PDB file of all heavy atoms in Angstrom:
ATOM      1  N   LYS A   1      38.690  -3.878 -23.600  1.00  0.00           N
ATOM      2  CA  LYS A   1      37.221  -3.888 -23.423  1.00  0.00           C
ATOM      3  C   LYS A   1      36.559  -2.786 -24.213  1.00  0.00           C
ATOM      4  O   LYS A   1      35.433  -2.907 -24.700  1.00  0.00           O
ATOM      5  CB  LYS A   1      36.882  -3.799 -21.932  1.00  0.00           C
ATOM      6  CG  LYS A   1      37.192  -5.074 -21.174  1.00  0.00           C
ATOM      7  CD  LYS A   1      36.564  -5.118 -19.808  1.00  0.00           C
ATOM      8  CE  LYS A   1      37.323  -4.322 -18.786  1.00  0.00           C
ATOM      9  NZ  LYS A   1      36.849  -4.554 -17.402  1.00  0.00           N
ATOM     10  N   GLU A   2      37.242  -1.657 -24.351  1.00  0.00           N
ATOM     11  CA  GLU A   2      36.689  -0.564 -25.152  1.00  0.00           C
ATOM     12  C   GLU A   2      36.722  -0.892 -26.625  1.00  0.00           C
ATOM     13  O   GLU A   2      35.845  -0.491 -27.387  1.00  0.00           O
ATOM     14  CB  GLU A   2      37.479   0.739 -24.873  1.00  0.00           C
ATOM     15  CG  GLU A   2      37.247   1.343 -23.517  1.00  0.00           C
ATOM     16  CD  GLU A   2      35.834   1.835 -23.330  1.00  0.00           C
ATOM     17  OE1 GLU A   2      35.207   2.233 -24.320  1.00  0.00           O
ATOM     18  OE2 GLU A   2      35.344   1.781 -22.185  1.00  0.00           O
ATOM     19  N   ALA A   3      37.742  -1.627 -27.059  1.00  0.00           N
ATOM     20  CA  ALA A   3      37.906  -1.943 -28.492  1.00  0.00           C
ATOM     21  C   ALA A   3      36.908  -3.002 -28.945  1.00  0.00           C
ATOM     22  O   ALA A   3      36.419  -2.954 -30.068  1.00  0.00           O
ATOM     23  CB  ALA A   3      39.328  -2.409 -28.759  1.00  0.00           C
ATOM     24  N   GLY A   4      36.605  -3.980 -28.093  1.00  0.00           N
ATOM     25  CA  GLY A   4      35.683  -5.064 -28.484  1.00  0.00           C
ATOM     26  C   GLY A   4      34.254  -4.611 -28.474  1.00  0.00           C
ATOM     27  O   GLY A   4      33.895  -3.591 -27.892  1.00  0.00           O
ATOM     28  N   ASN A   5      33.373  -5.394 -29.142  1.00  0.00           N
ATOM     29  CA  ASN A   5      31.946  -5.098 -29.068  1.00  0.00           C
ATOM     30  C   ASN A   5      31.196  -6.103 -28.223  1.00  0.00           C
ATOM     31  O   ASN A   5      29.975  -6.110 -28.174  1.00  0.00           O
ATOM     32  CB  ASN A   5      31.327  -5.010 -30.472  1.00  0.00           C
ATOM     33  CG  ASN A   5      31.690  -6.169 -31.352  1.00  0.00           C
ATOM     34  OD1 ASN A   5      32.025  -7.249 -30.867  1.00  0.00           O
ATOM     35  ND2 ASN A   5      31.633  -5.977 -32.665  1.00  0.00           N
ATOM     36  N   MET A   6      31.930  -6.981 -27.554  1.00  0.00           N
ATOM     37  CA  MET A   6      31.380  -7.870 -26.521  1.00  0.00           C
ATOM     38  C   MET A   6      32.409  -8.023 -25.425  1.00  0.00           C
ATOM     39  O   MET A   6      33.607  -7.914 -25.665  1.00  0.00           O
ATOM     40  CB  MET A   6      31.058  -9.264 -27.093  1.00  0.00           C
ATOM     41  CG  MET A   6      29.904  -9.314 -28.071  1.00  0.00           C
ATOM     42  SD  MET A   6      29.478 -11.034 -28.473  1.00  0.00           S
ATOM     43  CE  MET A   6      28.250 -10.758 -29.755  1.00  0.00           C
ATOM     44  N   VAL A   7      31.925  -8.268 -24.198  1.00  0.00           N
ATOM     45  CA  VAL A   7      32.788  -8.512 -23.068  1.00  0.00           C
ATOM     46  C   VAL A   7      32.336  -9.816 -22.394  1.00  0.00           C
ATOM     47  O   VAL A   7      31.162  -9.940 -22.040  1.00  0.00           O
ATOM     48  CB  VAL A   7      32.759  -7.366 -22.043  1.00  0.00           C
ATOM     49  CG1 VAL A   7      33.631  -7.706 -20.840  1.00  0.00           C
ATOM     50  CG2 VAL A   7      33.248  -6.058 -22.682  1.00  0.00           C
ATOM     51  N   ASP A   8      33.255 -10.746 -22.232  1.00  0.00           N
ATOM     52  CA  ASP A   8      32.955 -12.013 -21.547  1.00  0.00           C
ATOM     53  C   ASP A   8      33.306 -11.839 -20.071  1.00  0.00           C
ATOM     54  O   ASP A   8      34.474 -11.725 -19.706  1.00  0.00           O
ATOM     55  CB  ASP A   8      33.779 -13.143 -22.185  1.00  0.00           C
ATOM     56  CG  ASP A   8      33.576 -14.466 -21.437  1.00  0.00           C
ATOM     57  OD1 ASP A   8      32.572 -14.574 -20.692  1.00  0.00           O
ATOM     58  OD2 ASP A   8      34.390 -15.365 -21.613  1.00  0.00           O
ATOM     59  N   LEU A   9      32.283 -11.829 -19.229  1.00  0.00           N
ATOM     60  CA  LEU A   9      32.490 -11.581 -17.815  1.00  0.00           C
ATOM     61  C   LEU A   9      33.212 -12.739 -17.139  1.00  0.00           C
ATOM     62  O   LEU A   9      33.852 -12.567 -16.087  1.00  0.00           O
ATOM     63  CB  LEU A   9      31.133 -11.348 -17.119  1.00  0.00           C
ATOM     64  CG  LEU A   9      30.303 -10.198 -17.676  1.00  0.00           C
ATOM     65  CD1 LEU A   9      28.994 -10.067 -16.896  1.00  0.00           C
ATOM     66  CD2 LEU A   9      31.077  -8.895 -17.665  1.00  0.00           C
ATOM     67  N   ASP A  10      33.131 -13.944 -17.714  1.00  0.00           N
ATOM     68  CA  ASP A  10      33.836 -15.091 -17.137  1.00  0.00           C
ATOM     69  C   ASP A  10      35.270 -15.212 -17.633  1.00  0.00           C
ATOM     70  O   ASP A  10      36.028 -16.051 -17.168  1.00  0.00           O
ATOM     71  CB  ASP A  10      33.083 -16.385 -17.495  1.00  0.00           C
ATOM     72  CG  ASP A  10      31.713 -16.463 -16.858  1.00  0.00           C
ATOM     73  OD1 ASP A  10      31.554 -15.863 -15.788  1.00  0.00           O
ATOM     74  OD2 ASP A  10      30.827 -17.105 -17.432  1.00  0.00           O
ATOM     75  N   SER A  11      35.611 -14.397 -18.642  1.00  0.00           N
ATOM     76  CA  SER A  11      36.973 -14.422 -19.227  1.00  0.00           C
ATOM     77  C   SER A  11      37.344 -15.832 -19.674  1.00  0.00           C
ATOM     78  O   SER A  11      38.411 -16.350 -19.376  1.00  0.00           O
ATOM     79  CB  SER A  11      37.997 -13.880 -18.217  1.00  0.00           C
ATOM     80  OG  SER A  11      37.702 -12.553 -17.867  1.00  0.00           O
ATOM     81  N   ASN A  12      36.423 -16.458 -20.392  1.00  0.00           N
ATOM     82  CA  ASN A  12      36.636 -17.806 -20.913  1.00  0.00           C
ATOM     83  C   ASN A  12      36.703 -17.745 -22.430  1.00  0.00           C
ATOM     84  O   ASN A  12      35.688 -17.636 -23.098  1.00  0.00           O
ATOM     85  CB  ASN A  12      35.481 -18.728 -20.480  1.00  0.00           C
ATOM     86  CG  ASN A  12      35.598 -20.121 -21.062  1.00  0.00           C
ATOM     87  OD1 ASN A  12      36.640 -20.496 -21.634  1.00  0.00           O
ATOM     88  ND2 ASN A  12      34.527 -20.905 -20.959  1.00  0.00           N
ATOM     89  N   PRO A  13      37.901 -17.820 -23.020  1.00  0.00           N
ATOM     90  CA  PRO A  13      38.034 -17.644 -24.467  1.00  0.00           C
ATOM     91  C   PRO A  13      37.253 -18.665 -25.279  1.00  0.00           C
ATOM     92  O   PRO A  13      36.834 -18.386 -26.403  1.00  0.00           O
ATOM     93  CB  PRO A  13      39.538 -17.810 -24.718  1.00  0.00           C
ATOM     94  CG  PRO A  13      40.185 -17.528 -23.391  1.00  0.00           C
ATOM     95  CD  PRO A  13      39.223 -18.013 -22.381  1.00  0.00           C
ATOM     96  N   THR A  14      37.018 -19.861 -24.725  1.00  0.00           N
ATOM     97  CA  THR A  14      36.269 -20.885 -25.436  1.00  0.00           C
ATOM     98  C   THR A  14      34.840 -20.441 -25.725  1.00  0.00           C
ATOM     99  O   THR A  14      34.196 -20.943 -26.650  1.00  0.00           O
ATOM    100  CB  THR A  14      36.244 -22.180 -24.604  1.00  0.00           C
ATOM    101  OG1 THR A  14      37.565 -22.485 -24.188  1.00  0.00           O
ATOM    102  CG2 THR A  14      35.713 -23.346 -25.405  1.00  0.00           C
ATOM    103  N   LYS A  15      34.354 -19.476 -24.962  1.00  0.00           N
ATOM    104  CA  LYS A  15      32.952 -19.057 -25.094  1.00  0.00           C
ATOM    105  C   LYS A  15      32.669 -18.412 -26.448  1.00  0.00           C
ATOM    106  O   LYS A  15      31.511 -18.257 -26.846  1.00  0.00           O
ATOM    107  CB  LYS A  15      32.591 -18.101 -23.976  1.00  0.00           C
ATOM    108  CG  LYS A  15      31.096 -18.034 -23.702  1.00  0.00           C
ATOM    109  CD  LYS A  15      30.783 -17.136 -22.521  1.00  0.00           C
ATOM    110  CE  LYS A  15      31.238 -17.747 -21.226  1.00  0.00           C
ATOM    111  NZ  LYS A  15      30.909 -16.907 -20.065  1.00  0.00           N
ATOM    112  N   LEU A  16      33.711 -18.053 -27.185  1.00  0.00           N
ATOM    113  CA  LEU A  16      33.519 -17.486 -28.523  1.00  0.00           C
ATOM    114  C   LEU A  16      32.687 -18.419 -29.395  1.00  0.00           C
ATOM    115  O   LEU A  16      31.851 -17.989 -30.199  1.00  0.00           O
ATOM    116  CB  LEU A  16      34.870 -17.176 -29.180  1.00  0.00           C
ATOM    117  CG  LEU A  16      34.843 -16.583 -30.578  1.00  0.00           C
ATOM    118  CD1 LEU A  16      34.069 -15.282 -30.596  1.00  0.00           C
ATOM    119  CD2 LEU A  16      36.254 -16.361 -31.070  1.00  0.00           C
ATOM    120  N   ILE A  17      32.895 -19.730 -29.246  1.00  0.00           N
ATOM    121  CA  ILE A  17      32.153 -20.706 -30.032  1.00  0.00           C
ATOM    122  C   ILE A  17      30.671 -20.645 -29.654  1.00  0.00           C
ATOM    123  O   ILE A  17      29.786 -20.665 -30.531  1.00  0.00           O
ATOM    124  CB  ILE A  17      32.727 -22.114 -29.800  1.00  0.00           C
ATOM    125  CG1 ILE A  17      34.184 -22.173 -30.261  1.00  0.00           C
ATOM    126  CG2 ILE A  17      31.913 -23.160 -30.541  1.00  0.00           C
ATOM    127  CD1 ILE A  17      34.879 -23.473 -29.970  1.00  0.00           C
ATOM    128  N   GLU A  18      30.359 -20.516 -28.363  1.00  0.00           N
ATOM    129  CA  GLU A  18      28.981 -20.417 -27.924  1.00  0.00           C
ATOM    130  C   GLU A  18      28.347 -19.129 -28.398  1.00  0.00           C
ATOM    131  O   GLU A  18      27.152 -19.086 -28.751  1.00  0.00           O
ATOM    132  CB  GLU A  18      28.903 -20.502 -26.406  1.00  0.00           C
ATOM    133  CG  GLU A  18      29.379 -21.835 -25.828  1.00  0.00           C
ATOM    134  CD  GLU A  18      29.369 -21.843 -24.319  1.00  0.00           C
ATOM    135  OE1 GLU A  18      28.961 -20.828 -23.721  1.00  0.00           O
ATOM    136  OE2 GLU A  18      29.786 -22.862 -23.733  1.00  0.00           O
ATOM    137  N   ILE A  19      29.105 -18.048 -28.431  1.00  0.00           N
ATOM    138  CA  ILE A  19      28.585 -16.759 -28.899  1.00  0.00           C
ATOM    139  C   ILE A  19      28.144 -16.871 -30.354  1.00  0.00           C
ATOM    140  O   ILE A  19      27.083 -16.368 -30.754  1.00  0.00           O
ATOM    141  CB  ILE A  19      29.660 -15.658 -28.725  1.00  0.00           C
ATOM    142  CG1 ILE A  19      29.861 -15.355 -27.254  1.00  0.00           C
ATOM    143  CG2 ILE A  19      29.265 -14.391 -29.475  1.00  0.00           C
ATOM    144  CD1 ILE A  19      31.047 -14.457 -26.950  1.00  0.00           C
ATOM    145  N   VAL A  20      28.949 -17.541 -31.164  1.00  0.00           N
ATOM    146  CA  VAL A  20      28.589 -17.730 -32.584  1.00  0.00           C
ATOM    147  C   VAL A  20      27.303 -18.542 -32.690  1.00  0.00           C
ATOM    148  O   VAL A  20      26.404 -18.216 -33.474  1.00  0.00           O
ATOM    149  CB  VAL A  20      29.726 -18.438 -33.331  1.00  0.00           C
ATOM    150  CG1 VAL A  20      29.297 -18.872 -34.724  1.00  0.00           C
ATOM    151  CG2 VAL A  20      30.948 -17.500 -33.439  1.00  0.00           C
ATOM    152  N   GLU A  21      27.174 -19.579 -31.854  1.00  0.00           N
ATOM    153  CA  GLU A  21      25.974 -20.403 -31.902  1.00  0.00           C
ATOM    154  C   GLU A  21      24.733 -19.619 -31.474  1.00  0.00           C
ATOM    155  O   GLU A  21      23.653 -19.773 -32.053  1.00  0.00           O
ATOM    156  CB  GLU A  21      26.158 -21.627 -31.005  1.00  0.00           C
ATOM    157  CG  GLU A  21      27.193 -22.617 -31.555  1.00  0.00           C
ATOM    158  CD  GLU A  21      27.445 -23.799 -30.651  1.00  0.00           C
ATOM    159  OE1 GLU A  21      27.005 -23.744 -29.484  1.00  0.00           O
ATOM    160  OE2 GLU A  21      28.038 -24.784 -31.094  1.00  0.00           O
ATOM    161  N   ILE A  22      24.890 -18.745 -30.472  1.00  0.00           N
ATOM    162  CA  ILE A  22      23.745 -17.917 -30.016  1.00  0.00           C
ATOM    163  C   ILE A  22      23.352 -16.944 -31.142  1.00  0.00           C
ATOM    164  O   ILE A  22      22.146 -16.707 -31.396  1.00  0.00           O
ATOM    165  CB  ILE A  22      24.104 -17.157 -28.735  1.00  0.00           C
ATOM    166  CG1 ILE A  22      24.219 -18.135 -27.560  1.00  0.00           C
ATOM    167  CG2 ILE A  22      23.059 -16.073 -28.424  1.00  0.00           C
ATOM    168  CD1 ILE A  22      24.737 -17.533 -26.275  1.00  0.00           C
ATOM    169  N   GLY A  23      24.354 -16.364 -31.827  1.00  0.00           N
ATOM    170  CA  GLY A  23      24.054 -15.461 -32.938  1.00  0.00           C
ATOM    171  C   GLY A  23      23.311 -16.181 -34.047  1.00  0.00           C
ATOM    172  O   GLY A  23      22.344 -15.644 -34.627  1.00  0.00           O
ATOM    173  N   LYS A  24      23.728 -17.384 -34.372  1.00  0.00           N
ATOM    174  CA  LYS A  24      23.058 -18.148 -35.421  1.00  0.00           C
ATOM    175  C   LYS A  24      21.656 -18.535 -34.973  1.00  0.00           C
ATOM    176  O   LYS A  24      20.715 -18.547 -35.782  1.00  0.00           O
ATOM    177  CB  LYS A  24      23.876 -19.402 -35.769  1.00  0.00           C
ATOM    178  CG  LYS A  24      25.130 -19.090 -36.576  1.00  0.00           C
ATOM    179  CD  LYS A  24      25.753 -20.326 -37.143  1.00  0.00           C
ATOM    180  CE  LYS A  24      26.915 -19.973 -38.057  1.00  0.00           C
ATOM    181  NZ  LYS A  24      26.506 -19.227 -39.242  1.00  0.00           N
ATOM    182  N   GLN A  25      21.494 -18.842 -33.686  1.00  0.00           N
ATOM    183  CA  GLN A  25      20.168 -19.186 -33.181  1.00  0.00           C
ATOM    184  C   GLN A  25      19.219 -17.997 -33.325  1.00  0.00           C
ATOM    185  O   GLN A  25      18.040 -18.165 -33.680  1.00  0.00           O
ATOM    186  CB  GLN A  25      20.249 -19.620 -31.718  1.00  0.00           C
ATOM    187  CG  GLN A  25      18.922 -20.113 -31.152  1.00  0.00           C
ATOM    188  CD  GLN A  25      18.983 -20.451 -29.700  1.00  0.00           C
ATOM    189  OE1 GLN A  25      19.731 -19.835 -28.942  1.00  0.00           O
ATOM    190  NE2 GLN A  25      18.202 -21.429 -29.254  1.00  0.00           N
ATOM    191  N   LEU A  26      19.722 -16.787 -33.086  1.00  0.00           N
ATOM    192  CA  LEU A  26      18.905 -15.576 -33.249  1.00  0.00           C
ATOM    193  C   LEU A  26      18.430 -15.447 -34.681  1.00  0.00           C
ATOM    194  O   LEU A  26      17.244 -15.207 -34.941  1.00  0.00           O
ATOM    195  CB  LEU A  26      19.715 -14.342 -32.817  1.00  0.00           C
ATOM    196  CG  LEU A  26      19.110 -12.979 -33.209  1.00  0.00           C
ATOM    197  CD1 LEU A  26      17.823 -12.747 -32.451  1.00  0.00           C
ATOM    198  CD2 LEU A  26      20.091 -11.866 -32.925  1.00  0.00           C
ATOM    199  N   LEU A  27      19.351 -15.592 -35.640  1.00  0.00           N
ATOM    200  CA  LEU A  27      18.976 -15.442 -37.060  1.00  0.00           C
ATOM    201  C   LEU A  27      18.022 -16.540 -37.495  1.00  0.00           C
ATOM    202  O   LEU A  27      17.069 -16.277 -38.232  1.00  0.00           O
ATOM    203  CB  LEU A  27      20.254 -15.496 -37.902  1.00  0.00           C
ATOM    204  CG  LEU A  27      21.278 -14.376 -37.675  1.00  0.00           C
ATOM    205  CD1 LEU A  27      22.469 -14.554 -38.593  1.00  0.00           C
ATOM    206  CD2 LEU A  27      20.658 -13.007 -37.914  1.00  0.00           C
TER     207      LEU A  27
END
């Protein structure tokens, strides 16, 4: 958790795809 720059509170690895989509939505 210290090494990463995000923490998934649900511990669902699939959420990485959603994180990318949210980042693209921001841009």
